[in-house]
C-alpha cells in the first residue's frame, strides 16, 4: 500500500516541509501561519506518518479513552519521543531538522514501517507515554510472503503498570496481521518473556547478533 505524509487539507512536498521544520526560529515567529515555500501551517499542524488506506476505529483510538494510541507525528519531536527512546537504549537528542529528515525517510516506507505512540490526552502538556515499532520484511519465501518485526517497545517509567505497552504491542500485531504477514517476531530479554506471552508470543529459537 502506498503511503505518504498527509496534511489534513492537502498533500505537499515533503522536502520543502523538512526545510521548513528546520527553520525553528521562523516557525516560532510564524504563530501557526503559512511560511514561505511551505504550504503547511506551523506549529499547530499535526503531520502524521499515515497510510492512505482506511483504518478501523480501533486502530485510531477508543472512545472516551484518555490514552490515544496513534501513529507518530512530526510534531512529536516536541513531545518527548526521543527522550522516551533513551529509556530503552542510548539515544542522543536530535535537532528538529534531523528528526524531520528521519521522519521523512521512514514515512516513505509507508505501511512497511509503522511507529505507534501512546499519548495521554488528559495531561496538561502533550507527552508521549509509550511507543513501539513494526517493520515489515518482504521475502521471497512463502510465495513472496512478509514477516513483521516488533522493535523499540518502551513505556515511560512514570506510566508503567497501566498496560500501555501491551496495548501498543497488540495493536502492532493487528497491523501486521492485516498487512498479510505470516508471522511476527521480536527479541527480548529473559525477564520479559512472560510480558510478551500475554500478547500471544511464544519462545522460539535463539537470538544471536553482532554489535558494532
C-alpha atoms as a PDB file:
ATOM      1  CA  UNK A   1       0.000   0.000   0.000  1.00  0.00           C
ATOM      2  CA  UNK A   2       1.249   3.415  -0.904  1.00  0.00           C
ATOM      3  CA  UNK A   3       1.722   5.831   1.939  1.00  0.00           C
ATOM      4  CA  UNK A   4       2.556   9.469   2.367  1.00  0.00           C
ATOM      5  CA  UNK A   5       2.816  12.185   4.957  1.00  0.00           C
ATOM      6  CA  UNK A   6      -0.583  13.806   4.854  1.00  0.00           C
ATOM      7  CA  UNK A   7      -1.726  17.275   5.861  1.00  0.00           C
ATOM      8  CA  UNK A   8      -5.431  17.259   6.857  1.00  0.00           C
ATOM      9  CA  UNK A   9      -6.195  19.632   3.963  1.00  0.00           C
ATOM     10  CA  UNK A  10      -3.689  18.815   1.228  1.00  0.00           C
ATOM     11  CA  UNK A  11      -0.644  16.789   0.139  1.00  0.00           C
ATOM     12  CA  UNK A  12       2.597  18.672  -0.103  1.00  0.00           C
ATOM     13  CA  UNK A  13       6.268  18.411  -0.962  1.00  0.00           C
ATOM     14  CA  UNK A  14       7.972  16.684   1.996  1.00  0.00           C
ATOM     15  CA  UNK A  15      11.393  18.077   1.142  1.00  0.00           C
ATOM     16  CA  UNK A  16      10.119  21.642   1.329  1.00  0.00           C
ATOM     17  CA  UNK A  17       8.394  20.721   4.567  1.00  0.00           C
ATOM     18  CA  UNK A  18      11.599  19.301   6.056  1.00  0.00           C
ATOM     19  CA  UNK A  19      13.439  22.511   5.241  1.00  0.00           C
ATOM     20  CA  UNK A  20      10.607  24.486   6.765  1.00  0.00           C
ATOM     21  CA  UNK A  21      10.626  22.494  10.002  1.00  0.00           C
ATOM     22  CA  UNK A  22      14.370  23.000  10.297  1.00  0.00           C
ATOM     23  CA  UNK A  23      13.875  26.764  10.487  1.00  0.00           C
ATOM     24  CA  UNK A  24      12.794  26.642  14.122  1.00  0.00           C
ATOM     25  CA  UNK A  25      13.135  30.360  14.684  1.00  0.00           C
ATOM     26  CA  UNK A  26      10.900  31.225  11.765  1.00  0.00           C
ATOM     27  CA  UNK A  27       8.407  28.584  12.823  1.00  0.00           C
ATOM     28  CA  UNK A  28       8.058  30.007  16.317  1.00  0.00           C
ATOM     29  CA  UNK A  29       7.619  33.516  14.917  1.00  0.00           C
ATOM     30  CA  UNK A  30       5.015  32.376  12.420  1.00  0.00           C
ATOM     31  CA  UNK A  31       2.459  31.626  15.125  1.00  0.00           C
ATOM     32  CA  UNK A  32       0.899  28.834  13.097  1.00  0.00           C
ATOM     33  CA  UNK A  33       0.642  30.817   9.849  1.00  0.00           C
ATOM     34  CA  UNK A  34       1.840  29.623   6.473  1.00  0.00           C
ATOM     35  CA  UNK A  35       5.570  30.004   5.949  1.00  0.00           C
ATOM     36  CA  UNK A  36       7.136  30.981   2.608  1.00  0.00           C
ATOM     37  CA  UNK A  37       7.930  27.947   0.471  1.00  0.00           C
ATOM     38  CA  UNK A  38       5.946  25.527   2.637  1.00  0.00           C
ATOM     39  CA  UNK A  39       2.175  25.031   2.280  1.00  0.00           C
ATOM     40  CA  UNK A  40       1.657  23.610   5.763  1.00  0.00           C
ATOM     41  CA  UNK A  41       0.833  25.552   8.973  1.00  0.00           C
ATOM     42  CA  UNK A  42       3.198  25.605  11.956  1.00  0.00           C
ATOM     43  CA  UNK A  43       3.475  24.904  14.801  1.00  0.00           C
ATOM     44  CA  UNK A  44      -0.113  23.783  15.117  1.00  0.00           C
ATOM     45  CA  UNK A  45      -0.095  21.171  12.339  1.00  0.00           C
ATOM     46  CA  UNK A  46      -0.342  17.504  13.332  1.00  0.00           C
ATOM     47  CA  UNK A  47       1.526  15.903  10.445  1.00  0.00           C
ATOM     48  CA  UNK A  48       1.425  12.136  10.813  1.00  0.00           C
ATOM     49  CA  UNK A  49       3.093   9.077   9.398  1.00  0.00           C
ATOM     50  CA  UNK A  50      -0.124   7.695   7.932  1.00  0.00           C
ATOM     51  CA  UNK A  51      -1.398   5.347   5.277  1.00  0.00           C
ATOM     52  CA  UNK A  52      -3.895   6.322   2.600  1.00  0.00           C
ATOM     53  CA  UNK A  53      -5.734   3.093   3.372  1.00  0.00           C
ATOM     54  CA  UNK A  54      -8.590   3.444   5.899  1.00  0.00           C
ATOM     55  CA  UNK A  55      -8.061   2.150   9.410  1.00  0.00           C
ATOM     56  CA  UNK A  56     -10.690   0.734  11.732  1.00  0.00           C
ATOM     57  CA  UNK A  57     -11.935   2.765  14.673  1.00  0.00           C
ATOM     58  CA  UNK A  58      -9.941   0.502  16.975  1.00  0.00           C
ATOM     59  CA  UNK A  59      -6.732   1.486  15.226  1.00  0.00           C
ATOM     60  CA  UNK A  60      -7.396   5.166  15.770  1.00  0.00           C
ATOM     61  CA  UNK A  61      -8.279   5.146  19.451  1.00  0.00           C
ATOM     62  CA  UNK A  62     -11.054   4.106  21.782  1.00  0.00           C
ATOM     63  CA  UNK A  63     -13.919   6.466  22.576  1.00  0.00           C
ATOM     64  CA  UNK A  64     -13.532   8.326  25.868  1.00  0.00           C
ATOM     65  CA  UNK A  65     -10.133   6.728  26.430  1.00  0.00           C
ATOM     66  CA  UNK A  66      -7.652   9.301  27.797  1.00  0.00           C
ATOM     67  CA  UNK A  67      -4.811   7.329  26.193  1.00  0.00           C
ATOM     68  CA  UNK A  68      -4.733   7.923  22.462  1.00  0.00           C
ATOM     69  CA  UNK A  69      -2.746   5.347  20.508  1.00  0.00           C
ATOM     70  CA  UNK A  70      -1.811   6.778  17.132  1.00  0.00           C
ATOM     71  CA  UNK A  71       0.964   6.906  14.572  1.00  0.00           C
ATOM     72  CA  UNK A  72       3.987   9.081  15.115  1.00  0.00           C
ATOM     73  CA  UNK A  73       3.544  12.788  14.364  1.00  0.00           C
ATOM     74  CA  UNK A  74       6.227  15.062  13.002  1.00  0.00           C
ATOM     75  CA  UNK A  75       5.349  17.311  15.950  1.00  0.00           C
ATOM     76  CA  UNK A  76       6.379  14.539  18.365  1.00  0.00           C
ATOM     77  CA  UNK A  77       9.886  15.925  18.316  1.00  0.00           C
ATOM     78  CA  UNK A  78       8.444  18.316  20.895  1.00  0.00           C
ATOM     79  CA  UNK A  79       6.503  15.723  22.932  1.00  0.00           C
ATOM     80  CA  UNK A  80       9.435  13.739  24.324  1.00  0.00           C
ATOM     81  CA  UNK A  81       9.537  10.904  21.791  1.00  0.00           C
ATOM     82  CA  UNK A  82      13.327  10.772  21.503  1.00  0.00           C
ATOM     83  CA  UNK A  83      13.749  11.178  25.268  1.00  0.00           C
ATOM     84  CA  UNK A  84      11.392   8.236  25.771  1.00  0.00           C
ATOM     85  CA  UNK A  85      13.515   6.054  23.474  1.00  0.00           C
ATOM     86  CA  UNK A  86      16.533   6.871  25.650  1.00  0.00           C
ATOM     87  CA  UNK A  87      14.845   4.870  28.444  1.00  0.00           C
ATOM     88  CA  UNK A  88      15.262   1.820  26.211  1.00  0.00           C
ATOM     89  CA  UNK A  89      18.766   2.340  24.871  1.00  0.00           C
ATOM     90  CA  UNK A  90      21.367   5.042  24.369  1.00  0.00           C
ATOM     91  CA  UNK A  91      19.736   7.719  22.249  1.00  0.00           C
ATOM     92  CA  UNK A  92      21.260  11.113  21.689  1.00  0.00           C
ATOM     93  CA  UNK A  93      18.955  14.061  21.109  1.00  0.00           C
ATOM     94  CA  UNK A  94      18.063  15.051  17.550  1.00  0.00           C
ATOM     95  CA  UNK A  95      17.621  18.566  16.245  1.00  0.00           C
ATOM     96  CA  UNK A  96      14.294  19.447  14.634  1.00  0.00           C
ATOM     97  CA  UNK A  97      15.954  19.166  11.216  1.00  0.00           C
ATOM     98  CA  UNK A  98      17.478  15.743  11.959  1.00  0.00           C
ATOM     99  CA  UNK A  99      14.175  14.464  13.335  1.00  0.00           C
ATOM    100  CA  UNK A 100      12.254  15.733  10.307  1.00  0.00           C
ATOM    101  CA  UNK A 101      14.715  14.138   7.893  1.00  0.00           C
ATOM    102  CA  UNK A 102      14.494  10.718   9.555  1.00  0.00           C
ATOM    103  CA  UNK A 103      10.708  11.068   9.823  1.00  0.00           C
ATOM    104  CA  UNK A 104      10.509  11.644   6.053  1.00  0.00           C
ATOM    105  CA  UNK A 105      12.744   8.645   5.333  1.00  0.00           C
ATOM    106  CA  UNK A 106      10.591   6.321   7.449  1.00  0.00           C
ATOM    107  CA  UNK A 107       7.310   7.741   6.170  1.00  0.00           C
ATOM    108  CA  UNK A 108       8.475   6.974   2.631  1.00  0.00           C
ATOM    109  CA  UNK A 109       8.390   3.271   3.575  1.00  0.00           C
ATOM    110  CA  UNK A 110       4.642   3.517   4.096  1.00  0.00           C
ATOM    111  CA  UNK A 111       2.990   0.619   5.910  1.00  0.00           C
ATOM    112  CA  UNK A 112       6.285  -1.305   5.916  1.00  0.00           C
ATOM    113  CA  UNK A 113       7.457   0.839   8.848  1.00  0.00           C
ATOM    114  CA  UNK A 114       4.865   1.810  11.451  1.00  0.00           C
ATOM    115  CA  UNK A 115       5.662   3.665  14.661  1.00  0.00           C
ATOM    116  CA  UNK A 116       2.858   3.883  17.216  1.00  0.00           C
ATOM    117  CA  UNK A 117       2.809   6.166  20.235  1.00  0.00           C
ATOM    118  CA  UNK A 118       0.519   6.432  23.260  1.00  0.00           C
ATOM    119  CA  UNK A 119      -0.369   9.971  24.262  1.00  0.00           C
ATOM    120  CA  UNK A 120      -2.173  10.901  27.474  1.00  0.00           C
ATOM    121  CA  UNK A 121      -4.787  13.405  26.319  1.00  0.00           C
ATOM    122  CA  UNK A 122      -5.589  14.444  29.889  1.00  0.00           C
ATOM    123  CA  UNK A 123      -2.063  15.678  30.591  1.00  0.00           C
ATOM    124  CA  UNK A 124      -1.554  19.432  30.815  1.00  0.00           C
ATOM    125  CA  UNK A 125       1.391  19.181  28.433  1.00  0.00           C
ATOM    126  CA  UNK A 126       1.447  16.824  25.433  1.00  0.00           C
ATOM    127  CA  UNK A 127       3.770  13.932  26.264  1.00  0.00           C
ATOM    128  CA  UNK A 128       4.338  10.511  24.720  1.00  0.00           C
ATOM    129  CA  UNK A 129       3.923   7.781  27.351  1.00  0.00           C
ATOM    130  CA  UNK A 130       4.767   4.684  25.293  1.00  0.00           C
ATOM    131  CA  UNK A 131       5.885   3.661  21.837  1.00  0.00           C
ATOM    132  CA  UNK A 132       6.572   0.646  19.665  1.00  0.00           C
ATOM    133  CA  UNK A 133       7.565  -0.024  16.065  1.00  0.00           C
ATOM    134  CA  UNK A 134       6.609  -2.563  13.404  1.00  0.00           C
ATOM    135  CA  UNK A 135       8.969  -3.234  10.498  1.00  0.00           C
ATOM    136  CA  UNK A 136       7.630  -5.425   7.688  1.00  0.00           C
ATOM    137  CA  UNK A 137      10.221  -7.567   5.918  1.00  0.00           C
ATOM    138  CA  UNK A 138       9.328  -8.596   2.377  1.00  0.00           C
ATOM    139  CA  UNK A 139      10.671 -12.049   1.470  1.00  0.00           C
ATOM    140  CA  UNK A 140      10.933 -14.471  -1.437  1.00  0.00           C
ATOM    141  CA  UNK A 141       9.951 -17.292   0.921  1.00  0.00           C
ATOM    142  CA  UNK A 142       6.316 -18.309   1.314  1.00  0.00           C
ATOM    143  CA  UNK A 143       5.488 -17.132  -2.195  1.00  0.00           C
ATOM    144  CA  UNK A 144       6.774 -13.642  -1.556  1.00  0.00           C
ATOM    145  CA  UNK A 145       5.486 -13.528   1.996  1.00  0.00           C
ATOM    146  CA  UNK A 146       6.005 -10.899   4.667  1.00  0.00           C
ATOM    147  CA  UNK A 147       7.343 -11.056   8.239  1.00  0.00           C
ATOM    148  CA  UNK A 148       6.610  -8.450  10.888  1.00  0.00           C
ATOM    149  CA  UNK A 149       9.342  -7.401  13.324  1.00  0.00           C
ATOM    150  CA  UNK A 150       8.390  -5.610  16.546  1.00  0.00           C
ATOM    151  CA  UNK A 151      11.079  -3.213  17.738  1.00  0.00           C
ATOM    152  CA  UNK A 152      11.708  -0.358  20.172  1.00  0.00           C
ATOM    153  CA  UNK A 153       8.879  -1.017  22.631  1.00  0.00           C
ATOM    154  CA  UNK A 154       9.219   1.222  25.679  1.00  0.00           C
ATOM    155  CA  UNK A 155       6.905   2.729  28.291  1.00  0.00           C
ATOM    156  CA  UNK A 156       7.802   5.830  30.251  1.00  0.00           C
ATOM    157  CA  UNK A 157       8.932   4.874  33.759  1.00  0.00           C
ATOM    158  CA  UNK A 158       6.238   7.072  35.334  1.00  0.00           C
ATOM    159  CA  UNK A 159       3.481   5.389  33.291  1.00  0.00           C
ATOM    160  CA  UNK A 160       4.332   1.710  33.721  1.00  0.00           C
ATOM    161  CA  UNK A 161       1.783  -0.654  35.180  1.00  0.00           C
ATOM    162  CA  UNK A 162      -1.082   0.811  33.120  1.00  0.00           C
ATOM    163  CA  UNK A 163      -0.958  -1.728  30.297  1.00  0.00           C
ATOM    164  CA  UNK A 164       0.247   0.789  27.714  1.00  0.00           C
ATOM    165  CA  UNK A 165       2.999  -1.459  26.377  1.00  0.00           C
ATOM    166  CA  UNK A 166       0.585  -4.359  25.929  1.00  0.00           C
ATOM    167  CA  UNK A 167      -1.839  -2.150  24.039  1.00  0.00           C
ATOM    168  CA  UNK A 168       0.911  -0.897  21.751  1.00  0.00           C
ATOM    169  CA  UNK A 169       2.179  -4.420  21.009  1.00  0.00           C
ATOM    170  CA  UNK A 170      -1.293  -5.837  20.439  1.00  0.00           C
ATOM    171  CA  UNK A 171      -2.080  -3.021  18.027  1.00  0.00           C
ATOM    172  CA  UNK A 172       1.163  -3.702  16.136  1.00  0.00           C
ATOM    173  CA  UNK A 173       0.207  -7.373  15.905  1.00  0.00           C
ATOM    174  CA  UNK A 174      -3.169  -6.384  14.438  1.00  0.00           C
ATOM    175  CA  UNK A 175      -1.463  -4.181  11.861  1.00  0.00           C
ATOM    176  CA  UNK A 176       0.950  -6.975  10.896  1.00  0.00           C
ATOM    177  CA  UNK A 177      -1.902  -9.444  10.535  1.00  0.00           C
ATOM    178  CA  UNK A 178      -3.900  -7.011   8.384  1.00  0.00           C
ATOM    179  CA  UNK A 179      -0.794  -6.410   6.243  1.00  0.00           C
ATOM    180  CA  UNK A 180      -0.664 -10.118   5.411  1.00  0.00           C
ATOM    181  CA  UNK A 181       2.389 -11.091   7.495  1.00  0.00           C
ATOM    182  CA  UNK A 182       2.619 -14.851   8.021  1.00  0.00           C
ATOM    183  CA  UNK A 183       4.404 -14.329  11.340  1.00  0.00           C
ATOM    184  CA  UNK A 184       5.541 -11.579  13.673  1.00  0.00           C
ATOM    185  CA  UNK A 185       8.690 -11.827  15.782  1.00  0.00           C
ATOM    186  CA  UNK A 186      10.645  -9.857  18.358  1.00  0.00           C
ATOM    187  CA  UNK A 187      13.722 -10.095  20.540  1.00  0.00           C
ATOM    188  CA  UNK A 188      13.551  -9.577  24.280  1.00  0.00           C
ATOM    189  CA  UNK A 189      15.462 -10.235  27.491  1.00  0.00           C
ATOM    190  CA  UNK A 190      14.597 -13.383  29.500  1.00  0.00           C
ATOM    191  CA  UNK A 191      12.770 -11.405  32.191  1.00  0.00           C
ATOM    192  CA  UNK A 192      10.321 -10.075  29.593  1.00  0.00           C
ATOM    193  CA  UNK A 193       9.221 -13.458  28.261  1.00  0.00           C
ATOM    194  CA  UNK A 194       6.108 -13.537  30.448  1.00  0.00           C
ATOM    195  CA  UNK A 195       5.263  -9.978  29.415  1.00  0.00           C
ATOM    196  CA  UNK A 196       5.218 -10.772  25.710  1.00  0.00           C
ATOM    197  CA  UNK A 197       3.493 -14.105  26.320  1.00  0.00           C
ATOM    198  CA  UNK A 198       0.469 -12.019  27.373  1.00  0.00           C
ATOM    199  CA  UNK A 199       0.385 -10.744  23.792  1.00  0.00           C
ATOM    200  CA  UNK A 200       0.436 -14.260  22.360  1.00  0.00           C
ATOM    201  CA  UNK A 201       4.152 -14.600  21.642  1.00  0.00           C
ATOM    202  CA  UNK A 202       5.862 -17.939  22.304  1.00  0.00           C
ATOM    203  CA  UNK A 203       9.559 -18.571  22.793  1.00  0.00           C
ATOM    204  CA  UNK A 204      11.211 -19.999  19.690  1.00  0.00           C
ATOM    205  CA  UNK A 205      14.839 -20.284  18.646  1.00  0.00           C
ATOM    206  CA  UNK A 206      17.878 -18.455  19.956  1.00  0.00           C
ATOM    207  CA  UNK A 207      18.774 -14.832  19.350  1.00  0.00           C
ATOM    208  CA  UNK A 208      22.278 -14.088  18.098  1.00  0.00           C
ATOM    209  CA  UNK A 209      23.801 -10.829  16.993  1.00  0.00           C
ATOM    210  CA  UNK A 210      26.876  -8.824  16.113  1.00  0.00           C
ATOM    211  CA  UNK A 211      27.082  -5.284  17.503  1.00  0.00           C
ATOM    212  CA  UNK A 212      29.243  -2.551  16.030  1.00  0.00           C
END
